[in-house]
């Protein structure tokens, strides 16, 4: 028997509240300093309620990473199939992605915490399902439409993602993030311009 809609809505609201609290704590103190007790308390639920949604702390963290990456992809609209891909459009998407990666939320959760918590292989797999996968699709469309020279989409997209991630981490440690962003974006554009057909 299916649960009534109100019950399903409450279950989802509980899950989102737990993720909101967990995300805040992971950003503020990091994964290792955050306990399940603290997450439950911050969300104003019991630890038992948390366990009804997540098996352990790593499961909570994985859900937070997935949510942050999914929302990033939604915001920058890298996967717009309604229009023909163009070089200026691709560079605008890279710039938008760079802006998102320097936000404290994305930087702390996805770039700093996730690789160490999840391990390199699992982190890469999660990224490939979200941001990396969408960048790869963009590269494929650019190649199919003759905007860039045919290249291995998997390798090309990973290198673009790596360039942007390294730029974001570098910008996080500078006293003038906007100047660093301009420099980083110019360097990225220069490096990837060799792909143009």
Protein backbone atom coordinates (compact mmCIF):
# COMPACT_ATOMS: atom_id res chain seq x y z
CA UNK A 1 0.00 0.00 0.00
CA UNK A 2 1.33 3.41 -0.98
CA UNK A 3 1.96 6.04 1.66
CA UNK A 4 -0.42 9.03 1.49
CA UNK A 5 0.94 12.14 -0.29
CA UNK A 6 1.12 14.11 2.95
CA UNK A 7 3.25 11.40 4.53
CA UNK A 8 5.60 11.30 1.53
CA UNK A 9 5.89 15.08 1.64
CA UNK A 10 6.78 14.96 5.34
CA UNK A 11 9.38 12.25 4.71
CA UNK A 12 11.01 14.34 1.98
CA UNK A 13 10.91 17.49 4.12
CA UNK A 14 12.62 15.60 6.95
CA UNK A 15 15.31 14.34 4.59
CA UNK A 16 15.94 17.82 3.18
CA UNK A 17 16.12 19.33 6.68
CA UNK A 18 18.72 16.75 7.66
CA UNK A 19 20.73 17.46 4.51
CA UNK A 20 20.50 21.24 5.08
CA UNK A 21 21.86 20.85 8.61
CA UNK A 22 24.53 18.38 7.55
CA UNK A 23 25.69 20.63 4.72
CA UNK A 24 26.00 23.61 7.05
CA UNK A 25 28.03 21.59 9.55
CA UNK A 26 30.25 20.02 6.89
CA UNK A 27 31.05 23.48 5.50
CA UNK A 28 31.69 25.00 8.92
CA UNK A 29 33.73 22.25 10.52
CA UNK A 30 34.46 19.59 7.94
CA UNK A 31 33.38 15.98 7.67
CA UNK A 32 35.50 14.53 10.46
CA UNK A 33 34.47 17.15 13.03
CA UNK A 34 30.76 16.62 12.31
CA UNK A 35 28.85 13.93 14.18
CA UNK A 36 25.50 12.35 13.42
CA UNK A 37 24.30 13.60 16.81
CA UNK A 38 25.17 17.17 15.79
CA UNK A 39 23.36 16.79 12.45
CA UNK A 40 20.21 15.42 14.10
CA UNK A 41 20.27 18.10 16.80
CA UNK A 42 20.78 20.92 14.29
CA UNK A 43 17.85 19.64 12.22
CA UNK A 44 15.74 19.20 15.40
CA UNK A 45 15.18 15.51 14.83
CA UNK A 46 16.18 12.44 16.77
CA UNK A 47 19.14 10.36 15.75
CA UNK A 48 16.65 7.58 15.03
CA UNK A 49 14.93 9.81 12.47
CA UNK A 50 18.29 10.39 10.81
CA UNK A 51 18.93 6.64 10.64
CA UNK A 52 15.57 6.12 8.93
CA UNK A 53 16.96 8.13 6.00
CA UNK A 54 20.69 7.41 6.05
CA UNK A 55 22.72 4.35 7.03
CA UNK A 56 25.70 6.32 8.34
CA UNK A 57 27.56 9.64 8.16
CA UNK A 58 29.18 8.80 4.82
CA UNK A 59 25.72 8.23 3.32
CA UNK A 60 24.64 11.67 4.56
CA UNK A 61 27.77 13.26 3.13
CA UNK A 62 27.36 11.48 -0.22
CA UNK A 63 23.80 12.80 -0.49
CA UNK A 64 25.05 16.32 0.27
CA UNK A 65 27.76 16.07 -2.42
CA UNK A 66 25.24 14.82 -4.98
CA UNK A 67 22.84 17.64 -4.15
CA UNK A 68 25.50 20.36 -4.39
CA UNK A 69 26.75 19.04 -7.74
CA UNK A 70 23.26 18.56 -9.16
CA UNK A 71 22.24 22.11 -8.19
CA UNK A 72 25.46 23.48 -9.72
CA UNK A 73 24.68 21.80 -13.03
CA UNK A 74 21.11 23.14 -12.94
CA UNK A 75 22.32 26.70 -12.31
CA UNK A 76 24.82 26.93 -15.15
CA UNK A 77 22.66 25.16 -17.76
CA UNK A 78 25.60 23.46 -19.46
CA UNK A 79 23.29 20.92 -21.06
CA UNK A 80 21.01 23.17 -23.11
CA UNK A 81 20.12 21.05 -26.13
CA UNK A 82 17.64 23.58 -27.49
CA UNK A 83 20.33 25.69 -29.14
CA UNK A 84 23.28 24.83 -31.35
CA UNK A 85 26.52 24.82 -29.37
CA UNK A 86 28.90 27.71 -29.94
CA UNK A 87 32.37 28.62 -28.72
CA UNK A 88 31.17 31.79 -26.90
CA UNK A 89 28.40 29.74 -25.28
CA UNK A 90 30.87 27.10 -24.16
CA UNK A 91 33.19 29.73 -22.67
CA UNK A 92 30.25 31.39 -20.91
CA UNK A 93 29.38 28.00 -19.40
CA UNK A 94 32.99 27.52 -18.26
CA UNK A 95 32.93 30.99 -16.66
CA UNK A 96 29.64 30.21 -14.90
CA UNK A 97 31.05 26.90 -13.67
CA UNK A 98 34.15 28.69 -12.38
CA UNK A 99 31.96 31.17 -10.49
CA UNK A 100 30.12 28.30 -8.82
CA UNK A 101 33.25 26.40 -7.87
CA UNK A 102 34.64 29.33 -5.94
CA UNK A 103 31.54 29.54 -3.77
CA UNK A 104 32.33 28.33 -0.27
CA UNK A 105 29.60 25.71 -0.55
CA UNK A 106 30.96 24.02 -3.68
CA UNK A 107 34.61 24.46 -2.77
CA UNK A 108 34.31 23.03 0.75
CA UNK A 109 31.97 20.14 -0.04
CA UNK A 110 32.96 19.01 -3.54
CA UNK A 111 36.58 20.07 -3.97
CA UNK A 112 38.04 19.92 -0.48
CA UNK A 113 36.09 17.38 1.57
CA UNK A 114 34.70 14.90 -0.97
CA UNK A 115 37.93 13.46 -2.42
CA UNK A 116 39.30 12.60 1.03
CA UNK A 117 36.04 11.31 2.47
CA UNK A 118 34.81 9.29 -0.50
CA UNK A 119 38.15 8.34 -2.01
CA UNK A 120 39.37 9.35 -5.44
CA UNK A 121 37.58 6.62 -7.43
CA UNK A 122 34.17 7.16 -5.84
CA UNK A 123 34.49 10.94 -5.98
CA UNK A 124 35.31 10.77 -9.69
CA UNK A 125 32.36 8.44 -10.30
CA UNK A 126 29.96 10.86 -8.57
CA UNK A 127 31.39 13.79 -10.50
CA UNK A 128 31.01 11.89 -13.77
CA UNK A 129 27.30 11.44 -13.03
CA UNK A 130 26.81 15.20 -12.60
CA UNK A 131 29.20 17.98 -13.59
CA UNK A 132 31.73 15.84 -15.43
CA UNK A 133 29.03 14.07 -17.40
CA UNK A 134 27.42 17.32 -18.50
CA UNK A 135 30.78 18.84 -19.52
CA UNK A 136 31.48 15.68 -21.51
CA UNK A 137 28.12 16.01 -23.28
CA UNK A 138 28.93 19.65 -24.09
CA UNK A 139 32.30 18.60 -25.55
CA UNK A 140 30.61 15.91 -27.63
CA UNK A 141 28.06 18.38 -29.02
CA UNK A 142 30.77 20.93 -29.84
CA UNK A 143 32.72 18.26 -31.73
CA UNK A 144 29.64 16.97 -33.56
CA UNK A 145 28.78 20.50 -34.72
CA UNK A 146 32.31 21.25 -35.91
CA UNK A 147 33.00 23.90 -33.27
CA UNK A 148 35.99 22.00 -31.93
CA UNK A 149 38.24 19.46 -33.58
CA UNK A 150 37.25 15.85 -32.87
CA UNK A 151 38.89 14.69 -29.67
CA UNK A 152 38.34 12.10 -26.99
CA UNK A 153 35.34 13.59 -25.12
CA UNK A 154 36.11 11.77 -21.86
CA UNK A 155 39.69 12.99 -21.68
CA UNK A 156 38.85 16.50 -22.89
CA UNK A 157 36.02 16.98 -20.41
CA UNK A 158 38.10 15.68 -17.49
CA UNK A 159 40.93 18.08 -18.37
CA UNK A 160 38.52 21.02 -18.55
CA UNK A 161 37.02 20.08 -15.19
CA UNK A 162 40.50 19.72 -13.70
CA UNK A 163 41.56 23.15 -14.98
CA UNK A 164 38.51 24.79 -13.46
CA UNK A 165 38.83 22.92 -10.14
CA UNK A 166 42.50 23.85 -9.78
CA UNK A 167 41.67 27.47 -10.60
CA UNK A 168 38.92 27.47 -7.96
CA UNK A 169 41.21 26.05 -5.29
CA UNK A 170 43.82 28.66 -6.16
CA UNK A 171 41.28 31.47 -5.95
CA UNK A 172 40.17 30.28 -2.53
CA UNK A 173 43.56 31.19 -1.06
CA UNK A 174 44.04 34.62 -2.63
CA UNK A 175 43.25 38.02 -1.14
CA UNK A 176 41.66 39.21 -4.41
CA UNK A 177 39.39 36.44 -5.72
CA UNK A 178 37.92 38.55 -8.53
CA UNK A 179 41.31 39.41 -9.99
CA UNK A 180 42.34 35.77 -9.65
CA UNK A 181 39.12 34.73 -11.40
CA UNK A 182 39.83 37.01 -14.36
CA UNK A 183 43.36 35.67 -14.68
CA UNK A 184 42.25 32.06 -14.31
CA UNK A 185 39.47 32.42 -16.87
CA UNK A 186 41.83 34.03 -19.39
CA UNK A 187 44.33 31.19 -18.89
CA UNK A 188 41.65 28.52 -19.24
CA UNK A 189 40.32 30.12 -22.42
CA UNK A 190 43.81 30.32 -23.87
CA UNK A 191 44.57 26.69 -22.99
CA UNK A 192 41.35 25.24 -24.39
CA UNK A 193 41.34 27.44 -27.51
CA UNK A 194 43.58 24.85 -29.12
CA UNK A 195 40.50 22.63 -29.35
CA UNK A 196 38.80 24.95 -31.85
CA UNK A 197 38.28 23.59 -35.33
